[in-house]
Amino acid sequence: MRLELAKYLFDIQQAARTLSDFVAGRNWGDYERNAMLRAAVERQFEIIGEAMSQLARRDASVATAIDDYRDIIAFRNILIHGYADIDDRLVWDIVQTRLPTLRKQVDALLESPVSGD
């Protein structure tokens, strides 16, 4: 894998790890009541989505190794452009149900050998 691609995967990995740390030990009620937590979670999803978008532009074959990569990019666009209509329950559901899979897939890709550009 080219170093440039690994950098985008690393950005996704770090944002996903940070997001997981933010919500560790928290429940839906905590999330719903805490505007700073919601903003922090959304920001990490924005980073994940943007890095995924850049990855897909540079090498679609790597992006397709991640389940629902197009949905991840679309979710980033909703967070950025549709911010007034964000469904907090949907964001929380994604944290709980999809983030663990994303983390595993990105970790596995980063374990691949890195080659120069």
PDB file of N, CA and C in Angstrom:
ATOM      1  N   MET A   1       0.848  -1.178   0.000  1.00  0.00           N
ATOM      2  CA  MET A   1       0.000   0.000   0.000  1.00  0.00           C
ATOM      3  C   MET A   1       0.893   1.240   0.000  1.00  0.00           C
ATOM      4  N   ARG A   2       0.513   2.193  -0.806  1.00  0.00           N
ATOM      5  CA  ARG A   2       1.279   3.444  -0.878  1.00  0.00           C
ATOM      6  C   ARG A   2       1.148   4.228   0.434  1.00  0.00           C
ATOM      7  N   LEU A   3       2.205   4.925   0.757  1.00  0.00           N
ATOM      8  CA  LEU A   3       2.255   5.707   1.984  1.00  0.00           C
ATOM      9  C   LEU A   3       1.123   6.733   2.053  1.00  0.00           C
ATOM     10  N   GLU A   4       0.810   7.373   0.943  1.00  0.00           N
ATOM     11  CA  GLU A   4      -0.274   8.363   0.896  1.00  0.00           C
ATOM     12  C   GLU A   4      -1.610   7.746   1.333  1.00  0.00           C
ATOM     13  N   LEU A   5      -1.878   6.538   0.880  1.00  0.00           N
ATOM     14  CA  LEU A   5      -3.119   5.854   1.239  1.00  0.00           C
ATOM     15  C   LEU A   5      -3.113   5.468   2.718  1.00  0.00           C
ATOM     16  N   ALA A   6      -1.975   5.015   3.189  1.00  0.00           N
ATOM     17  CA  ALA A   6      -1.857   4.649   4.596  1.00  0.00           C
ATOM     18  C   ALA A   6      -2.103   5.854   5.493  1.00  0.00           C
ATOM     19  N   LYS A   7      -1.706   7.039   5.037  1.00  0.00           N
ATOM     20  CA  LYS A   7      -1.927   8.252   5.817  1.00  0.00           C
ATOM     21  C   LYS A   7      -3.420   8.505   6.010  1.00  0.00           C
ATOM     22  N   TYR A   8      -4.214   8.340   4.966  1.00  0.00           N
ATOM     23  CA  TYR A   8      -5.665   8.534   5.093  1.00  0.00           C
ATOM     24  C   TYR A   8      -6.267   7.477   6.017  1.00  0.00           C
ATOM     25  N   LEU A   9      -5.807   6.252   5.885  1.00  0.00           N
ATOM     26  CA  LEU A   9      -6.288   5.200   6.780  1.00  0.00           C
ATOM     27  C   LEU A   9      -5.905   5.497   8.223  1.00  0.00           C
ATOM     28  N   PHE A  10      -4.699   5.997   8.428  1.00  0.00           N
ATOM     29  CA  PHE A  10      -4.256   6.358   9.771  1.00  0.00           C
ATOM     30  C   PHE A  10      -5.144   7.467  10.342  1.00  0.00           C
ATOM     31  N   ASP A  11      -5.480   8.456   9.526  1.00  0.00           N
ATOM     32  CA  ASP A  11      -6.377   9.529   9.979  1.00  0.00           C
ATOM     33  C   ASP A  11      -7.730   8.974  10.398  1.00  0.00           C
ATOM     34  N   ILE A  12      -8.247   8.032   9.616  1.00  0.00           N
ATOM     35  CA  ILE A  12      -9.525   7.386   9.956  1.00  0.00           C
ATOM     36  C   ILE A  12      -9.373   6.623  11.261  1.00  0.00           C
ATOM     37  N   GLN A  13      -8.290   5.867  11.373  1.00  0.00           N
ATOM     38  CA  GLN A  13      -8.041   5.078  12.579  1.00  0.00           C
ATOM     39  C   GLN A  13      -7.989   5.973  13.824  1.00  0.00           C
ATOM     40  N   GLN A  14      -7.259   7.069  13.728  1.00  0.00           N
ATOM     41  CA  GLN A  14      -7.107   7.956  14.876  1.00  0.00           C
ATOM     42  C   GLN A  14      -8.421   8.639  15.242  1.00  0.00           C
ATOM     43  N   ALA A  15      -9.168   9.093  14.250  1.00  0.00           N
ATOM     44  CA  ALA A  15     -10.463   9.739  14.526  1.00  0.00           C
ATOM     45  C   ALA A  15     -11.440   8.734  15.136  1.00  0.00           C
ATOM     46  N   ALA A  16     -11.444   7.504  14.627  1.00  0.00           N
ATOM     47  CA  ALA A  16     -12.334   6.477  15.171  1.00  0.00           C
ATOM     48  C   ALA A  16     -11.947   6.124  16.604  1.00  0.00           C
ATOM     49  N   ARG A  17     -10.652   6.062  16.880  1.00  0.00           N
ATOM     50  CA  ARG A  17     -10.190   5.779  18.231  1.00  0.00           C
ATOM     51  C   ARG A  17     -10.576   6.921  19.177  1.00  0.00           C
ATOM     52  N   THR A  18     -10.376   8.140  18.742  1.00  0.00           N
ATOM     53  CA  THR A  18     -10.732   9.302  19.547  1.00  0.00           C
ATOM     54  C   THR A  18     -12.230   9.315  19.823  1.00  0.00           C
ATOM     55  N   LEU A  19     -13.004   9.056  18.796  1.00  0.00           N
ATOM     56  CA  LEU A  19     -14.464   9.007  18.939  1.00  0.00           C
ATOM     57  C   LEU A  19     -14.861   7.933  19.955  1.00  0.00           C
ATOM     58  N   SER A  20     -14.253   6.774  19.853  1.00  0.00           N
ATOM     59  CA  SER A  20     -14.550   5.698  20.805  1.00  0.00           C
ATOM     60  C   SER A  20     -14.207   6.112  22.230  1.00  0.00           C
ATOM     61  N   ASP A  21     -13.094   6.810  22.378  1.00  0.00           N
ATOM     62  CA  ASP A  21     -12.709   7.301  23.709  1.00  0.00           C
ATOM     63  C   ASP A  21     -13.741   8.294  24.239  1.00  0.00           C
ATOM     64  N   PHE A  22     -14.238   9.161  23.376  1.00  0.00           N
ATOM     65  CA  PHE A  22     -15.226  10.159  23.787  1.00  0.00           C
ATOM     66  C   PHE A  22     -16.485   9.511  24.366  1.00  0.00           C
ATOM     67  N   VAL A  23     -16.909   8.396  23.776  1.00  0.00           N
ATOM     68  CA  VAL A  23     -18.180   7.793  24.183  1.00  0.00           C
ATOM     69  C   VAL A  23     -18.032   6.639  25.168  1.00  0.00           C
ATOM     70  N   ALA A  24     -16.799   6.278  25.485  1.00  0.00           N
ATOM     71  CA  ALA A  24     -16.573   5.163  26.422  1.00  0.00           C
ATOM     72  C   ALA A  24     -17.281   5.446  27.744  1.00  0.00           C
ATOM     73  N   GLY A  25     -18.063   4.481  28.184  1.00  0.00           N
ATOM     74  CA  GLY A  25     -18.780   4.604  29.452  1.00  0.00           C
ATOM     75  C   GLY A  25     -19.989   5.514  29.398  1.00  0.00           C
ATOM     76  N   ARG A  26     -20.329   5.984  28.225  1.00  0.00           N
ATOM     77  CA  ARG A  26     -21.482   6.880  28.061  1.00  0.00           C
ATOM     78  C   ARG A  26     -22.665   6.100  27.506  1.00  0.00           C
ATOM     79  N   ASN A  27     -23.859   6.637  27.737  1.00  0.00           N
ATOM     80  CA  ASN A  27     -25.065   6.034  27.173  1.00  0.00           C
ATOM     81  C   ASN A  27     -25.817   7.092  26.375  1.00  0.00           C
ATOM     82  N   TRP A  28     -26.934   6.674  25.786  1.00  0.00           N
ATOM     83  CA  TRP A  28     -27.716   7.586  24.956  1.00  0.00           C
ATOM     84  C   TRP A  28     -28.103   8.846  25.723  1.00  0.00           C
ATOM     85  N   GLY A  29     -28.509   8.719  26.948  1.00  0.00           N
ATOM     86  CA  GLY A  29     -28.903   9.881  27.743  1.00  0.00           C
ATOM     87  C   GLY A  29     -27.764  10.862  27.921  1.00  0.00           C
ATOM     88  N   ASP A  30     -26.567  10.338  28.179  1.00  0.00           N
ATOM     89  CA  ASP A  30     -25.389  11.199  28.299  1.00  0.00           C
ATOM     90  C   ASP A  30     -25.154  11.952  26.997  1.00  0.00           C
ATOM     91  N   TYR A  31     -25.244  11.226  25.907  1.00  0.00           N
ATOM     92  CA  TYR A  31     -25.016  11.823  24.590  1.00  0.00           C
ATOM     93  C   TYR A  31     -26.065  12.896  24.291  1.00  0.00           C
ATOM     94  N   GLU A  32     -27.301  12.564  24.559  1.00  0.00           N
ATOM     95  CA  GLU A  32     -28.411  13.476  24.261  1.00  0.00           C
ATOM     96  C   GLU A  32     -28.290  14.784  25.053  1.00  0.00           C
ATOM     97  N   ARG A  33     -27.846  14.705  26.281  1.00  0.00           N
ATOM     98  CA  ARG A  33     -27.774  15.877  27.156  1.00  0.00           C
ATOM     99  C   ARG A  33     -26.511  16.721  26.991  1.00  0.00           C
ATOM    100  N   ASN A  34     -25.503  16.195  26.330  1.00  0.00           N
ATOM    101  CA  ASN A  34     -24.204  16.852  26.311  1.00  0.00           C
ATOM    102  C   ASN A  34     -23.878  17.396  24.916  1.00  0.00           C
ATOM    103  N   ALA A  35     -24.111  18.678  24.713  1.00  0.00           N
ATOM    104  CA  ALA A  35     -23.878  19.312  23.407  1.00  0.00           C
ATOM    105  C   ALA A  35     -22.405  19.239  22.997  1.00  0.00           C
ATOM    106  N   MET A  36     -21.498  19.373  23.961  1.00  0.00           N
ATOM    107  CA  MET A  36     -20.079  19.312  23.633  1.00  0.00           C
ATOM    108  C   MET A  36     -19.702  17.903  23.158  1.00  0.00           C
ATOM    109  N   LEU A  37     -20.242  16.878  23.788  1.00  0.00           N
ATOM    110  CA  LEU A  37     -19.978  15.505  23.366  1.00  0.00           C
ATOM    111  C   LEU A  37     -20.522  15.271  21.955  1.00  0.00           C
ATOM    112  N   ARG A  38     -21.740  15.732  21.698  1.00  0.00           N
ATOM    113  CA  ARG A  38     -22.317  15.560  20.366  1.00  0.00           C
ATOM    114  C   ARG A  38     -21.455  16.248  19.310  1.00  0.00           C
ATOM    115  N   ALA A  39     -21.026  17.459  19.592  1.00  0.00           N
ATOM    116  CA  ALA A  39     -20.189  18.197  18.636  1.00  0.00           C
ATOM    117  C   ALA A  39     -18.853  17.482  18.415  1.00  0.00           C
ATOM    118  N   ALA A  40     -18.271  16.957  19.477  1.00  0.00           N
ATOM    119  CA  ALA A  40     -16.991  16.254  19.366  1.00  0.00           C
ATOM    120  C   ALA A  40     -17.132  14.982  18.536  1.00  0.00           C
ATOM    121  N   VAL A  41     -18.195  14.238  18.764  1.00  0.00           N
ATOM    122  CA  VAL A  41     -18.444  13.010  18.004  1.00  0.00           C
ATOM    123  C   VAL A  41     -18.657  13.347  16.533  1.00  0.00           C
ATOM    124  N   GLU A  42     -19.472  14.341  16.269  1.00  0.00           N
ATOM    125  CA  GLU A  42     -19.736  14.735  14.885  1.00  0.00           C
ATOM    126  C   GLU A  42     -18.445  15.155  14.188  1.00  0.00           C
ATOM    127  N   ARG A  43     -17.588  15.881  14.874  1.00  0.00           N
ATOM    128  CA  ARG A  43     -16.327  16.324  14.273  1.00  0.00           C
ATOM    129  C   ARG A  43     -15.457  15.143  13.879  1.00  0.00           C
ATOM    130  N   GLN A  44     -15.387  14.135  14.713  1.00  0.00           N
ATOM    131  CA  GLN A  44     -14.583  12.955  14.379  1.00  0.00           C
ATOM    132  C   GLN A  44     -15.172  12.214  13.182  1.00  0.00           C
ATOM    133  N   PHE A  45     -16.500  12.164  13.100  1.00  0.00           N
ATOM    134  CA  PHE A  45     -17.125  11.555  11.921  1.00  0.00           C
ATOM    135  C   PHE A  45     -16.845  12.380  10.663  1.00  0.00           C
ATOM    136  N   GLU A  46     -16.770  13.681  10.795  1.00  0.00           N
ATOM    137  CA  GLU A  46     -16.420  14.527   9.649  1.00  0.00           C
ATOM    138  C   GLU A  46     -15.017  14.198   9.157  1.00  0.00           C
ATOM    139  N   ILE A  47     -14.088  14.048  10.086  1.00  0.00           N
ATOM    140  CA  ILE A  47     -12.709  13.700   9.723  1.00  0.00           C
ATOM    141  C   ILE A  47     -12.674  12.332   9.045  1.00  0.00           C
ATOM    142  N   ILE A  48     -13.374  11.369   9.608  1.00  0.00           N
ATOM    143  CA  ILE A  48     -13.431  10.030   9.024  1.00  0.00           C
ATOM    144  C   ILE A  48     -13.973  10.102   7.601  1.00  0.00           C
ATOM    145  N   GLY A  49     -15.062  10.815   7.423  1.00  0.00           N
ATOM    146  CA  GLY A  49     -15.682  10.909   6.103  1.00  0.00           C
ATOM    147  C   GLY A  49     -14.814  11.616   5.085  1.00  0.00           C
ATOM    148  N   GLU A  50     -14.137  12.674   5.503  1.00  0.00           N
ATOM    149  CA  GLU A  50     -13.259  13.397   4.575  1.00  0.00           C
ATOM    150  C   GLU A  50     -12.053  12.551   4.201  1.00  0.00           C
ATOM    151  N   ALA A  51     -11.451  11.889   5.166  1.00  0.00           N
ATOM    152  CA  ALA A  51     -10.314  11.012   4.860  1.00  0.00           C
ATOM    153  C   ALA A  51     -10.755   9.869   3.939  1.00  0.00           C
ATOM    154  N   MET A  52     -11.943   9.346   4.172  1.00  0.00           N
ATOM    155  CA  MET A  52     -12.473   8.287   3.315  1.00  0.00           C
ATOM    156  C   MET A  52     -12.691   8.800   1.888  1.00  0.00           C
ATOM    157  N   SER A  53     -13.197  10.006   1.768  1.00  0.00           N
ATOM    158  CA  SER A  53     -13.406  10.611   0.456  1.00  0.00           C
ATOM    159  C   SER A  53     -12.090  10.758  -0.295  1.00  0.00           C
ATOM    160  N   GLN A  54     -11.069  11.240   0.386  1.00  0.00           N
ATOM    161  CA  GLN A  54      -9.747  11.395  -0.232  1.00  0.00           C
ATOM    162  C   GLN A  54      -9.168  10.031  -0.614  1.00  0.00           C
ATOM    163  N   LEU A  55      -9.345   9.053   0.236  1.00  0.00           N
ATOM    164  CA  LEU A  55      -8.874   7.705  -0.038  1.00  0.00           C
ATOM    165  C   LEU A  55      -9.557   7.142  -1.285  1.00  0.00           C
ATOM    166  N   ALA A  56     -10.859   7.304  -1.374  1.00  0.00           N
ATOM    167  CA  ALA A  56     -11.618   6.784  -2.518  1.00  0.00           C
ATOM    168  C   ALA A  56     -11.204   7.466  -3.820  1.00  0.00           C
ATOM    169  N   ARG A  57     -10.892   8.741  -3.751  1.00  0.00           N
ATOM    170  CA  ARG A  57     -10.441   9.466  -4.956  1.00  0.00           C
ATOM    171  C   ARG A  57      -9.095   8.960  -5.444  1.00  0.00           C
ATOM    172  N   ARG A  58      -8.247   8.582  -4.528  1.00  0.00           N
ATOM    173  CA  ARG A  58      -6.885   8.197  -4.889  1.00  0.00           C
ATOM    174  C   ARG A  58      -6.748   6.707  -5.224  1.00  0.00           C
ATOM    175  N   ASP A  59      -7.567   5.875  -4.578  1.00  0.00           N
ATOM    176  CA  ASP A  59      -7.504   4.438  -4.868  1.00  0.00           C
ATOM    177  C   ASP A  59      -8.800   3.769  -4.406  1.00  0.00           C
ATOM    178  N   ALA A  60      -9.727   3.660  -5.320  1.00  0.00           N
ATOM    179  CA  ALA A  60     -11.043   3.094  -4.998  1.00  0.00           C
ATOM    180  C   ALA A  60     -10.935   1.653  -4.514  1.00  0.00           C
ATOM    181  N   SER A  61      -9.920   0.936  -4.970  1.00  0.00           N
ATOM    182  CA  SER A  61      -9.804  -0.467  -4.556  1.00  0.00           C
ATOM    183  C   SER A  61      -9.530  -0.589  -3.061  1.00  0.00           C
ATOM    184  N   VAL A  62      -8.817   0.358  -2.484  1.00  0.00           N
ATOM    185  CA  VAL A  62      -8.585   0.338  -1.038  1.00  0.00           C
ATOM    186  C   VAL A  62      -9.872   0.733  -0.315  1.00  0.00           C
ATOM    187  N   ALA A  63     -10.539   1.757  -0.811  1.00  0.00           N
ATOM    188  CA  ALA A  63     -11.785   2.208  -0.175  1.00  0.00           C
ATOM    189  C   ALA A  63     -12.834   1.105  -0.167  1.00  0.00           C
ATOM    190  N   THR A  64     -12.915   0.339  -1.235  1.00  0.00           N
ATOM    191  CA  THR A  64     -13.936  -0.708  -1.301  1.00  0.00           C
ATOM    192  C   THR A  64     -13.686  -1.840  -0.316  1.00  0.00           C
ATOM    193  N   ALA A  65     -12.507  -1.895   0.265  1.00  0.00           N
ATOM    194  CA  ALA A  65     -12.227  -2.886   1.305  1.00  0.00           C
ATOM    195  C   ALA A  65     -12.908  -2.527   2.626  1.00  0.00           C
ATOM    196  N   ILE A  66     -13.492  -1.355   2.679  1.00  0.00           N
ATOM    197  CA  ILE A  66     -14.197  -0.892   3.879  1.00  0.00           C
ATOM    198  C   ILE A  66     -15.699  -0.925   3.585  1.00  0.00           C
ATOM    199  N   ASP A  67     -16.414  -1.687   4.400  1.00  0.00           N
ATOM    200  CA  ASP A  67     -17.869  -1.782   4.222  1.00  0.00           C
ATOM    201  C   ASP A  67     -18.487  -0.397   4.238  1.00  0.00           C
ATOM    202  N   ASP A  68     -19.422  -0.194   3.334  1.00  0.00           N
ATOM    203  CA  ASP A  68     -20.230   1.030   3.321  1.00  0.00           C
ATOM    204  C   ASP A  68     -19.403   2.305   3.202  1.00  0.00           C
ATOM    205  N   TYR A  69     -18.285   2.245   2.497  1.00  0.00           N
ATOM    206  CA  TYR A  69     -17.439   3.443   2.413  1.00  0.00           C
ATOM    207  C   TYR A  69     -18.187   4.616   1.794  1.00  0.00           C
ATOM    208  N   ARG A  70     -19.068   4.330   0.843  1.00  0.00           N
ATOM    209  CA  ARG A  70     -19.853   5.427   0.244  1.00  0.00           C
ATOM    210  C   ARG A  70     -20.802   6.046   1.270  1.00  0.00           C
ATOM    211  N   ASP A  71     -21.378   5.217   2.119  1.00  0.00           N
ATOM    212  CA  ASP A  71     -22.260   5.734   3.172  1.00  0.00           C
ATOM    213  C   ASP A  71     -21.486   6.592   4.169  1.00  0.00           C
ATOM    214  N   ILE A  72     -20.247   6.225   4.427  1.00  0.00           N
ATOM    215  CA  ILE A  72     -19.411   7.004   5.345  1.00  0.00           C
ATOM    216  C   ILE A  72     -19.166   8.393   4.772  1.00  0.00           C
ATOM    217  N   ILE A  73     -18.877   8.451   3.489  1.00  0.00           N
ATOM    218  CA  ILE A  73     -18.666   9.740   2.825  1.00  0.00           C
ATOM    219  C   ILE A  73     -19.966  10.545   2.819  1.00  0.00           C
ATOM    220  N   ALA A  74     -21.069   9.887   2.519  1.00  0.00           N
ATOM    221  CA  ALA A  74     -22.373  10.578   2.492  1.00  0.00           C
ATOM    222  C   ALA A  74     -22.739  11.106   3.882  1.00  0.00           C
ATOM    223  N   PHE A  75     -22.417  10.342   4.913  1.00  0.00           N
ATOM    224  CA  PHE A  75     -22.694  10.779   6.284  1.00  0.00           C
ATOM    225  C   PHE A  75     -21.898  12.032   6.622  1.00  0.00           C
ATOM    226  N   ARG A  76     -20.663  12.082   6.187  1.00  0.00           N
ATOM    227  CA  ARG A  76     -19.845  13.284   6.379  1.00  0.00           C
ATOM    228  C   ARG A  76     -20.514  14.479   5.714  1.00  0.00           C
ATOM    229  N   ASN A  77     -21.017  14.283   4.505  1.00  0.00           N
ATOM    230  CA  ASN A  77     -21.675  15.374   3.785  1.00  0.00           C
ATOM    231  C   ASN A  77     -22.929  15.850   4.507  1.00  0.00           C
ATOM    232  N   ILE A  78     -23.665  14.930   5.082  1.00  0.00           N
ATOM    233  CA  ILE A  78     -24.855  15.310   5.857  1.00  0.00           C
ATOM    234  C   ILE A  78     -24.445  16.132   7.072  1.00  0.00           C
ATOM    235  N   LEU A  79     -23.409  15.686   7.758  1.00  0.00           N
ATOM    236  CA  LEU A  79     -22.950  16.414   8.948  1.00  0.00           C
ATOM    237  C   LEU A  79     -22.498  17.829   8.599  1.00  0.00           C
ATOM    238  N   ILE A  80     -21.832  17.975   7.464  1.00  0.00           N
ATOM    239  CA  ILE A  80     -21.311  19.281   7.063  1.00  0.00           C
ATOM    240  C   ILE A  80     -22.406  20.162   6.479  1.00  0.00           C
ATOM    241  N   HIS A  81     -23.149  19.628   5.534  1.00  0.00           N
ATOM    242  CA  HIS A  81     -24.093  20.454   4.774  1.00  0.00           C
ATOM    243  C   HIS A  81     -25.515  20.417   5.311  1.00  0.00           C
ATOM    244  N   GLY A  82     -25.866  19.369   6.030  1.00  0.00           N
ATOM    245  CA  GLY A  82     -27.215  19.247   6.562  1.00  0.00           C
ATOM    246  C   GLY A  82     -27.249  19.352   8.064  1.00  0.00           C
ATOM    247  N   TYR A  83     -26.315  20.116   8.609  1.00  0.00           N
ATOM    248  CA  TYR A  83     -26.119  20.188  10.061  1.00  0.00           C
ATOM    249  C   TYR A  83     -27.385  20.532  10.833  1.00  0.00           C
ATOM    250  N   ALA A  84     -28.299  21.274  10.226  1.00  0.00           N
ATOM    251  CA  ALA A  84     -29.513  21.695  10.935  1.00  0.00           C
ATOM    252  C   ALA A  84     -30.493  20.537  11.132  1.00  0.00           C
ATOM    253  N   ASP A  85     -30.310  19.479  10.357  1.00  0.00           N
ATOM    254  CA  ASP A  85     -31.255  18.361  10.396  1.00  0.00           C
ATOM    255  C   ASP A  85     -30.630  17.071  10.919  1.00  0.00           C
ATOM    256  N   ILE A  86     -29.543  17.163  11.648  1.00  0.00           N
ATOM    257  CA  ILE A  86     -28.867  15.962  12.139  1.00  0.00           C
ATOM    258  C   ILE A  86     -29.753  15.249  13.161  1.00  0.00           C
ATOM    259  N   ASP A  87     -29.888  13.955  12.964  1.00  0.00           N
ATOM    260  CA  ASP A  87     -30.660  13.113  13.875  1.00  0.00           C
ATOM    261  C   ASP A  87     -29.681  12.514  14.895  1.00  0.00           C
ATOM    262  N   ASP A  88     -29.721  13.031  16.116  1.00  0.00           N
ATOM    263  CA  ASP A  88     -28.783  12.576  17.144  1.00  0.00           C
ATOM    264  C   ASP A  88     -28.895  11.083  17.416  1.00  0.00           C
ATOM    265  N   ARG A  89     -30.097  10.542  17.329  1.00  0.00           N
ATOM    266  CA  ARG A  89     -30.266   9.092  17.551  1.00  0.00           C
ATOM    267  C   ARG A  89     -29.546   8.289  16.471  1.00  0.00           C
ATOM    268  N   LEU A  90     -29.592   8.777  15.243  1.00  0.00           N
ATOM    269  CA  LEU A  90     -28.888   8.101  14.155  1.00  0.00           C
ATOM    270  C   LEU A  90     -27.382   8.136  14.391  1.00  0.00           C
ATOM    271  N   VAL A  91     -26.859   9.281  14.779  1.00  0.00           N
ATOM    272  CA  VAL A  91     -25.425   9.396  15.059  1.00  0.00           C
ATOM    273  C   VAL A  91     -25.039   8.417  16.166  1.00  0.00           C
ATOM    274  N   TRP A  92     -25.810   8.394  17.236  1.00  0.00           N
ATOM    275  CA  TRP A  92     -25.519   7.485  18.344  1.00  0.00           C
ATOM    276  C   TRP A  92     -25.583   6.028  17.894  1.00  0.00           C
ATOM    277  N   ASP A  93     -26.559   5.701  17.080  1.00  0.00           N
ATOM    278  CA  ASP A  93     -26.686   4.337  16.567  1.00  0.00           C
ATOM    279  C   ASP A  93     -25.459   3.944  15.748  1.00  0.00           C
ATOM    280  N   ILE A  94     -24.973   4.856  14.928  1.00  0.00           N
ATOM    281  CA  ILE A  94     -23.782   4.571  14.121  1.00  0.00           C
ATOM    282  C   ILE A  94     -22.571   4.351  15.025  1.00  0.00           C
ATOM    283  N   VAL A  95     -22.449   5.157  16.061  1.00  0.00           N
ATOM    284  CA  VAL A  95     -21.354   4.968  17.020  1.00  0.00           C
ATOM    285  C   VAL A  95     -21.404   3.558  17.595  1.00  0.00           C
ATOM    286  N   GLN A  96     -22.590   3.126  17.970  1.00  0.00           N
ATOM    287  CA  GLN A  96     -22.739   1.841  18.654  1.00  0.00           C
ATOM    288  C   GLN A  96     -22.650   0.642  17.711  1.00  0.00           C
ATOM    289  N   THR A  97     -23.171   0.771  16.498  1.00  0.00           N
ATOM    290  CA  THR A  97     -23.311  -0.404  15.637  1.00  0.00           C
ATOM    291  C   THR A  97     -22.302  -0.493  14.503  1.00  0.00           C
ATOM    292  N   ARG A  98     -21.813   0.621  14.004  1.00  0.00           N
ATOM    293  CA  ARG A  98     -20.944   0.576  12.823  1.00  0.00           C
ATOM    294  C   ARG A  98     -19.494   0.953  13.089  1.00  0.00           C
ATOM    295  N   LEU A  99     -19.265   1.755  14.090  1.00  0.00           N
ATOM    296  CA  LEU A  99     -17.902   2.191  14.371  1.00  0.00           C
ATOM    297  C   LEU A  99     -16.962   1.022  14.695  1.00  0.00           C
ATOM    298  N   PRO A 100     -17.385   0.035  15.484  1.00  0.00           N
ATOM    299  CA  PRO A 100     -16.469  -1.085  15.770  1.00  0.00           C
ATOM    300  C   PRO A 100     -16.019  -1.820  14.504  1.00  0.00           C
ATOM    301  N   THR A 101     -16.918  -2.026  13.559  1.00  0.00           N
ATOM    302  CA  THR A 101     -16.555  -2.704  12.311  1.00  0.00           C
ATOM    303  C   THR A 101     -15.575  -1.870  11.505  1.00  0.00           C
ATOM    304  N   LEU A 102     -15.843  -0.570  11.414  1.00  0.00           N
ATOM    305  CA  LEU A 102     -14.932   0.318  10.700  1.00  0.00           C
ATOM    306  C   LEU A 102     -13.529   0.238  11.306  1.00  0.00           C
ATOM    307  N   ARG A 103     -13.456   0.286  12.608  1.00  0.00           N
ATOM    308  CA  ARG A 103     -12.149   0.236  13.269  1.00  0.00           C
ATOM    309  C   ARG A 103     -11.406  -1.050  12.925  1.00  0.00           C
ATOM    310  N   LYS A 104     -12.090  -2.175  12.950  1.00  0.00           N
ATOM    311  CA  LYS A 104     -11.449  -3.457  12.635  1.00  0.00           C
ATOM    312  C   LYS A 104     -10.947  -3.481  11.195  1.00  0.00           C
ATOM    313  N   GLN A 105     -11.769  -2.995  10.277  1.00  0.00           N
ATOM    314  CA  GLN A 105     -11.386  -3.027   8.868  1.00  0.00           C
ATOM    315  C   GLN A 105     -10.195  -2.113   8.585  1.00  0.00           C
ATOM    316  N   VAL A 106     -10.198  -0.937   9.167  1.00  0.00           N
ATOM    317  CA  VAL A 106      -9.084  -0.004   8.965  1.00  0.00           C
ATOM    318  C   VAL A 106      -7.813  -0.554   9.604  1.00  0.00           C
ATOM    319  N   ASP A 107      -7.930  -1.109  10.797  1.00  0.00           N
ATOM    320  CA  ASP A 107      -6.758  -1.715  11.442  1.00  0.00           C
ATOM    321  C   ASP A 107      -6.156  -2.804  10.563  1.00  0.00           C
ATOM    322  N   ALA A 108      -7.007  -3.636   9.974  1.00  0.00           N
ATOM    323  CA  ALA A 108      -6.527  -4.723   9.122  1.00  0.00           C
ATOM    324  C   ALA A 108      -5.824  -4.164   7.882  1.00  0.00           C
ATOM    325  N   LEU A 109      -6.374  -3.133   7.293  1.00  0.00           N
ATOM    326  CA  LEU A 109      -5.738  -2.532   6.115  1.00  0.00           C
ATOM    327  C   LEU A 109      -4.376  -1.924   6.475  1.00  0.00           C
ATOM    328  N   LEU A 110      -4.290  -1.317   7.634  1.00  0.00           N
ATOM    329  CA  LEU A 110      -3.033  -0.705   8.036  1.00  0.00           C
ATOM    330  C   LEU A 110      -1.962  -1.733   8.385  1.00  0.00           C
ATOM    331  N   GLU A 111      -2.355  -2.947   8.621  1.00  0.00           N
ATOM    332  CA  GLU A 111      -1.385  -4.011   8.882  1.00  0.00           C
ATOM    333  C   GLU A 111      -0.723  -4.493   7.589  1.00  0.00           C
ATOM    334  N   SER A 112      -1.267  -4.063   6.447  1.00  0.00           N
ATOM    335  CA  SER A 112      -0.681  -4.402   5.157  1.00  0.00           C
ATOM    336  C   SER A 112       0.645  -3.668   5.001  1.00  0.00           C
ATOM    337  N   PRO A 113       1.577  -4.245   4.256  1.00  0.00           N
ATOM    338  CA  PRO A 113       2.850  -3.556   4.028  1.00  0.00           C
ATOM    339  C   PRO A 113       2.637  -2.220   3.296  1.00  0.00           C
ATOM    340  N   VAL A 114       3.453  -1.229   3.652  1.00  0.00           N
ATOM    341  CA  VAL A 114       3.382   0.091   3.027  1.00  0.00           C
ATOM    342  C   VAL A 114       4.542   0.217   2.053  1.00  0.00           C
ATOM    343  N   SER A 115       4.219   0.703   0.861  1.00  0.00           N
ATOM    344  CA  SER A 115       5.279   0.964  -0.113  1.00  0.00           C
ATOM    345  C   SER A 115       5.281   2.449  -0.433  1.00  0.00           C
ATOM    346  N   GLY A 116       6.349   2.950  -0.946  1.00  0.00           N
ATOM    347  CA  GLY A 116       6.443   4.359  -1.322  1.00  0.00           C
ATOM    348  C   GLY A 116       5.617   4.667  -2.543  1.00  0.00           C
ATOM    349  N   ASP A 117       5.433   5.953  -2.807  1.00  0.00           N
ATOM    350  CA  ASP A 117       4.651   6.377  -3.982  1.00  0.00           C
ATOM    351  C   ASP A 117       5.436   6.250  -5.254  1.00  0.00           C
TER     352      ASP A 117
END
